[in-house]
Amino acid sequence: MNHKFRLTTLLALTLSSGALFADGSPWVPAHGSTTLSANVTSGSTEDFFAGEDTINLGGELSGTYLWLNAIYGYDDIWAFDARIGYAETELSSNSLNDQSDLADTTFGVSYQFINEFEADNGWPTITGRLAYTIGGDYDPNLTNAIGDGASGIDASILVGKSLNSSFALIGDITLRQRDNNVANGVKYLFGTAYTSPIRGLGFQLALAGIRTDSDLDLGEVGFDQFSETNRDTDFLVGGVNYGFGNGISLGFSYTALINGRNVPDTDVGNFSISYSF
């Protein structure tokens, strides 16, 4: 049986910034401003969920991803973003298939429907985002594949509400569609952000995950490729970031797997640096 495991099943779902939002934020950038960031995401494991059962891979499955991100505030309600990545993955029991290649590339556009600071009617900030992902030119059928090798559309609704000068609530619901028989899904994130009394220091905590439209497990009758399987996953994300006041910010987040199905049993760490101007 050729189980085509993907470390990126979890890595691709992790949040690639200290601000918890990998794919956007309910608060669009200021008019004419640009933020550039680099994120390094890494994780490793020897165990994998086949259905709800944990199996040993017979070696360490690991991956490190470098993501380069850019977001531009066109005006007070429109923003444009882009992300490109480079990845190295390996399975220690089969080093001949180690991969080093470009990861998937994403282009997105966001529109802010409601700005809580301008509406002054108790409503939260609500932003919609539409993005297109271009699958990378890597081999998606290796045990340590960089990704699913699929392209598709993400449609998101992002919500944020400032409770006071210290706390804010955040939420993100994203519909994900992919080609090449990859199971479609819904990604969610709900959490809170805290701005500390120490100038520039902030913390974030969120519950996140994905639900796919497949009920197929690895090895079941009808199983052909991993991307068709049920990959329902939940994880807890904690983050800390520090802004130096000159446009430069550093961030760290840690993603802890709570439960998974047909995904690697691994936690993931992420470091980020960003510059806004």
Protein backbone atom coordinates (compact mmCIF):
# COMPACT_ATOMS: atom_id res chain seq x y z
CA MET A 1 0.00 0.00 0.00
CA ASN A 2 1.50 3.33 -1.04
CA HIS A 3 0.51 5.84 1.63
CA LYS A 4 1.42 9.27 0.31
CA PHE A 5 1.95 11.21 3.54
CA ARG A 6 2.26 15.01 3.56
CA LEU A 7 4.02 16.97 6.26
CA THR A 8 2.61 20.05 4.55
CA THR A 9 -0.93 18.99 5.41
CA LEU A 10 -0.30 20.64 8.75
CA LEU A 11 2.39 23.11 7.75
CA ALA A 12 0.20 24.62 5.06
CA LEU A 13 -2.51 25.26 7.66
CA THR A 14 -0.23 26.93 10.19
CA LEU A 15 -0.28 30.67 10.53
CA SER A 16 2.76 32.28 9.00
CA SER A 17 2.98 35.49 10.99
CA GLY A 18 3.31 36.58 14.59
CA ALA A 19 -0.07 38.28 14.19
CA LEU A 20 -1.72 34.88 13.63
CA PHE A 21 -3.09 35.72 10.19
CA ALA A 22 -1.42 33.73 7.42
CA ASP A 23 -3.82 34.82 4.72
CA GLY A 24 -5.08 38.22 5.77
CA SER A 25 -6.40 40.42 8.56
CA PRO A 26 -9.76 42.11 9.19
CA TRP A 27 -7.87 45.39 9.58
CA VAL A 28 -6.52 46.41 6.17
CA PRO A 29 -3.21 48.34 6.00
CA ALA A 30 -3.23 52.12 6.01
CA HIS A 31 -3.69 53.89 2.68
CA GLY A 32 -0.45 53.64 0.67
CA SER A 33 1.42 51.52 3.22
CA THR A 34 3.32 48.32 2.45
CA THR A 35 4.43 45.51 4.74
CA LEU A 36 7.12 43.02 3.69
CA SER A 37 7.77 39.95 5.82
CA ALA A 38 9.79 36.76 5.90
CA ASN A 39 8.61 33.71 7.85
CA VAL A 40 10.41 30.48 8.64
CA THR A 41 8.12 27.57 9.55
CA SER A 42 9.50 24.23 10.71
CA GLY A 43 8.23 20.94 12.11
CA SER A 44 9.15 17.26 12.37
CA THR A 45 7.62 13.97 13.49
CA GLU A 46 7.96 10.20 13.33
CA ASP A 47 4.24 9.56 13.74
CA PHE A 48 1.23 9.97 11.47
CA PHE A 49 -2.53 9.69 11.84
CA ALA A 50 -3.98 7.07 9.48
CA GLY A 51 -7.62 7.80 10.05
CA GLU A 52 -7.76 8.28 13.82
CA ASP A 53 -5.01 5.72 14.53
CA THR A 54 -1.37 6.72 15.02
CA ILE A 55 1.29 4.84 13.07
CA ASN A 56 5.10 5.14 13.06
CA LEU A 57 6.75 6.23 9.81
CA GLY A 58 10.00 4.34 10.43
CA GLY A 59 11.99 7.57 10.30
CA GLU A 60 11.76 11.30 10.91
CA LEU A 61 9.60 13.33 8.54
CA SER A 62 10.65 16.99 8.61
CA GLY A 63 10.15 20.18 6.68
CA THR A 64 11.32 23.79 6.74
CA TYR A 65 9.55 26.53 4.78
CA LEU A 66 10.65 30.08 4.01
CA TRP A 67 7.72 32.32 3.12
CA LEU A 68 8.10 35.81 1.63
CA ASN A 69 4.98 37.96 2.01
CA ALA A 70 3.91 41.40 0.83
CA ILE A 71 0.72 43.36 1.48
CA TYR A 72 -0.17 46.80 0.15
CA GLY A 73 -2.94 49.10 1.33
CA TYR A 74 -4.35 50.55 -1.88
CA ASP A 75 -6.73 52.83 -0.02
CA ASP A 76 -8.83 52.70 3.15
CA ILE A 77 -10.83 49.63 2.07
CA TRP A 78 -8.79 47.73 -0.54
CA ALA A 79 -5.57 45.77 0.00
CA PHE A 80 -3.49 43.45 -2.19
CA ASP A 81 -1.19 40.68 -0.98
CA ALA A 82 1.17 38.05 -2.35
CA ARG A 83 3.10 35.12 -0.91
CA ILE A 84 5.80 32.87 -2.34
CA GLY A 85 7.67 30.12 -0.53
CA TYR A 86 10.67 27.84 -0.72
CA ALA A 87 10.75 24.51 1.09
CA GLU A 88 13.06 21.65 2.02
CA THR A 89 11.49 18.37 3.17
CA GLU A 90 12.93 14.97 3.93
CA LEU A 91 12.14 11.54 5.31
CA SER A 92 15.18 10.06 7.04
CA SER A 93 14.30 6.51 6.02
CA ASN A 94 14.38 7.46 2.31
CA SER A 95 16.80 10.34 1.74
CA LEU A 96 16.86 9.77 -2.04
CA ASN A 97 13.50 11.53 -2.26
CA ASP A 98 14.51 14.66 -0.33
CA GLN A 99 12.90 17.75 -1.87
CA SER A 100 14.08 21.36 -2.23
CA ASP A 101 11.87 23.53 -4.42
CA LEU A 102 9.51 26.49 -4.65
CA ALA A 103 6.30 26.02 -2.67
CA ASP A 104 2.85 27.25 -3.68
CA THR A 105 2.35 30.91 -4.64
CA THR A 106 -0.70 32.93 -3.59
CA PHE A 107 -2.14 36.27 -4.72
CA GLY A 108 -5.00 37.89 -2.81
CA VAL A 109 -7.23 40.95 -2.67
CA SER A 110 -9.12 42.18 0.41
CA TYR A 111 -12.10 44.53 0.75
CA GLN A 112 -13.13 45.99 4.09
CA PHE A 113 -16.93 46.13 4.37
CA ILE A 114 -17.12 47.66 7.84
CA ASN A 115 -14.52 49.61 9.84
CA GLU A 116 -15.43 49.51 13.53
CA PHE A 117 -13.52 52.74 14.21
CA GLU A 118 -15.46 54.66 11.57
CA ALA A 119 -18.92 53.08 11.84
CA ASP A 120 -19.23 53.72 15.60
CA ASN A 121 -22.32 51.50 15.80
CA GLY A 122 -21.00 48.55 17.80
CA TRP A 123 -20.28 46.43 14.72
CA PRO A 124 -16.92 44.67 14.39
CA THR A 125 -14.53 45.25 11.51
CA ILE A 126 -15.50 42.89 8.66
CA THR A 127 -13.31 42.21 5.64
CA GLY A 128 -13.66 39.84 2.70
CA ARG A 129 -10.67 38.32 0.92
CA LEU A 130 -10.45 36.42 -2.36
CA ALA A 131 -7.21 34.66 -3.28
CA TYR A 132 -5.82 32.32 -5.90
CA THR A 133 -3.11 29.76 -5.13
CA ILE A 134 -0.82 28.38 -7.83
CA GLY A 135 0.50 24.90 -7.04
CA GLY A 136 4.29 24.55 -7.13
CA ASP A 137 6.17 22.48 -9.71
CA TYR A 138 7.30 19.77 -7.28
CA ASP A 139 6.46 16.07 -7.12
CA PRO A 140 3.26 15.82 -5.03
CA ASN A 141 3.37 12.01 -4.79
CA LEU A 142 6.46 11.60 -2.61
CA THR A 143 6.19 10.72 1.07
CA ASN A 144 7.81 14.06 1.95
CA ALA A 145 6.06 16.10 -0.77
CA ILE A 146 6.27 19.88 -0.36
CA GLY A 147 2.51 20.19 -0.89
CA ASP A 148 -0.50 18.86 -2.76
CA GLY A 149 0.60 20.29 -6.10
CA ALA A 150 -2.83 21.84 -6.62
CA SER A 151 -4.18 25.25 -7.55
CA GLY A 152 -7.42 26.84 -6.43
CA ILE A 153 -9.42 29.62 -4.81
CA ASP A 154 -9.75 30.75 -1.18
CA ALA A 155 -12.70 32.93 -0.14
CA SER A 156 -12.53 34.39 3.37
CA ILE A 157 -14.54 36.46 5.81
CA LEU A 158 -12.34 38.01 8.50
CA VAL A 159 -13.80 39.65 11.61
CA GLY A 160 -12.09 41.69 14.30
CA LYS A 161 -13.40 43.59 17.31
CA SER A 162 -11.39 45.79 19.66
CA LEU A 163 -12.82 45.41 23.16
CA ASN A 164 -10.56 48.07 24.69
CA SER A 165 -7.01 49.38 24.33
CA SER A 166 -5.59 45.99 25.34
CA PHE A 167 -7.82 43.20 24.00
CA ALA A 168 -9.26 42.36 20.59
CA LEU A 169 -11.21 39.37 19.27
CA ILE A 170 -10.33 37.86 15.88
CA GLY A 171 -12.01 35.37 13.57
CA ASP A 172 -11.48 33.92 10.10
CA ILE A 173 -13.64 31.55 8.05
CA THR A 174 -12.13 30.48 4.70
CA LEU A 175 -13.63 28.28 2.00
CA ARG A 176 -10.83 26.42 0.18
CA GLN A 177 -11.20 24.89 -3.31
CA ARG A 178 -8.40 22.98 -5.04
CA ASP A 179 -8.03 21.04 -8.30
CA ASN A 180 -6.20 17.71 -8.91
CA ASN A 181 -8.69 15.77 -6.73
CA VAL A 182 -7.61 17.56 -3.55
CA ALA A 183 -10.45 17.55 -1.01
CA ASN A 184 -12.08 20.96 -0.59
CA GLY A 185 -12.51 22.34 2.89
CA VAL A 186 -13.35 25.09 5.35
CA LYS A 187 -10.57 26.65 7.43
CA TYR A 188 -11.40 28.44 10.67
CA LEU A 189 -9.62 30.53 13.28
CA PHE A 190 -11.04 32.13 16.44
CA GLY A 191 -8.90 33.86 19.00
CA THR A 192 -7.84 36.92 20.94
CA ALA A 193 -4.99 39.41 20.76
CA TYR A 194 -3.54 41.26 23.75
CA THR A 195 -1.49 44.44 23.62
CA SER A 196 0.65 44.63 26.75
CA PRO A 197 1.53 47.80 28.71
CA ILE A 198 5.08 47.35 27.39
CA ARG A 199 5.21 49.43 24.23
CA GLY A 200 5.36 47.27 21.09
CA LEU A 201 4.76 43.92 22.83
CA GLY A 202 1.72 41.81 21.98
CA PHE A 203 0.41 38.28 22.48
CA GLN A 204 -2.08 36.13 20.59
CA LEU A 205 -3.95 32.90 21.28
CA ALA A 206 -6.27 31.13 18.85
CA LEU A 207 -8.05 27.88 18.12
CA ALA A 208 -7.75 26.95 14.44
CA GLY A 209 -8.35 24.04 12.12
CA ILE A 210 -9.83 22.72 8.91
CA ARG A 211 -12.80 20.56 7.91
CA THR A 212 -12.70 18.78 4.55
CA ASP A 213 -15.53 17.46 2.40
CA SER A 214 -14.13 13.91 2.26
CA ASP A 215 -14.98 10.89 4.44
CA LEU A 216 -12.16 8.73 3.02
CA ASP A 217 -9.31 7.50 5.26
CA LEU A 218 -5.91 6.17 4.28
CA GLY A 219 -6.09 2.55 3.10
CA GLU A 220 -9.88 2.39 2.83
CA VAL A 221 -11.64 0.98 -0.20
CA GLY A 222 -11.50 3.67 -2.87
CA PHE A 223 -8.28 5.22 -1.52
CA ASP A 224 -6.03 6.35 -4.37
CA GLN A 225 -4.08 9.40 -3.26
CA PHE A 226 -3.63 11.20 0.03
CA SER A 227 -5.07 14.50 -1.19
CA GLU A 228 -8.54 12.89 -1.45
CA THR A 229 -8.69 11.92 2.23
CA ASN A 230 -10.48 13.44 5.21
CA ARG A 231 -7.93 15.75 6.85
CA ASP A 232 -10.01 17.24 9.63
CA THR A 233 -7.58 18.90 12.04
CA ASP A 234 -7.69 21.16 15.11
CA PHE A 235 -4.80 22.96 16.72
CA LEU A 236 -3.99 25.66 19.26
CA VAL A 237 -1.82 28.59 18.21
CA GLY A 238 0.05 30.89 20.58
CA GLY A 239 2.07 33.87 19.42
CA VAL A 240 4.14 36.79 20.61
CA ASN A 241 5.34 39.77 18.62
CA TYR A 242 7.39 42.89 19.28
CA GLY A 243 7.42 46.10 17.25
CA PHE A 244 10.49 48.29 17.51
CA GLY A 245 8.68 51.48 16.53
CA ASN A 246 10.68 51.97 13.32
CA GLY A 247 8.51 49.72 11.13
CA ILE A 248 10.37 46.53 12.07
CA SER A 249 8.60 43.75 13.99
CA LEU A 250 9.64 40.30 15.15
CA GLY A 251 7.26 37.45 15.90
CA PHE A 252 7.16 33.87 17.07
CA SER A 253 4.20 31.48 17.05
CA TYR A 254 3.81 27.87 18.08
CA THR A 255 1.12 25.58 16.69
CA ALA A 256 0.20 22.59 18.87
CA LEU A 257 -1.85 19.80 17.27
CA ILE A 258 -4.94 18.98 19.33
CA ASN A 259 -6.35 16.22 17.14
CA GLY A 260 -5.98 15.15 13.55
CA ARG A 261 -7.06 12.72 10.87
CA ASN A 262 -4.76 11.58 8.05
CA VAL A 263 -2.21 14.25 9.00
CA PRO A 264 1.28 14.18 10.57
CA ASP A 265 1.30 14.12 14.37
CA THR A 266 3.52 17.17 14.80
CA ASP A 267 3.71 20.62 16.34
CA VAL A 268 5.06 23.53 14.31
CA GLY A 269 7.14 26.61 15.15
CA ASN A 270 7.26 29.86 13.18
CA PHE A 271 9.62 32.86 13.28
CA SER A 272 8.86 36.08 11.42
CA ILE A 273 10.37 39.47 10.69
CA SER A 274 8.44 42.25 8.98
CA TYR A 275 9.02 45.81 7.83
CA SER A 276 6.25 48.34 7.23
CA PHE A 277 6.64 51.61 5.39
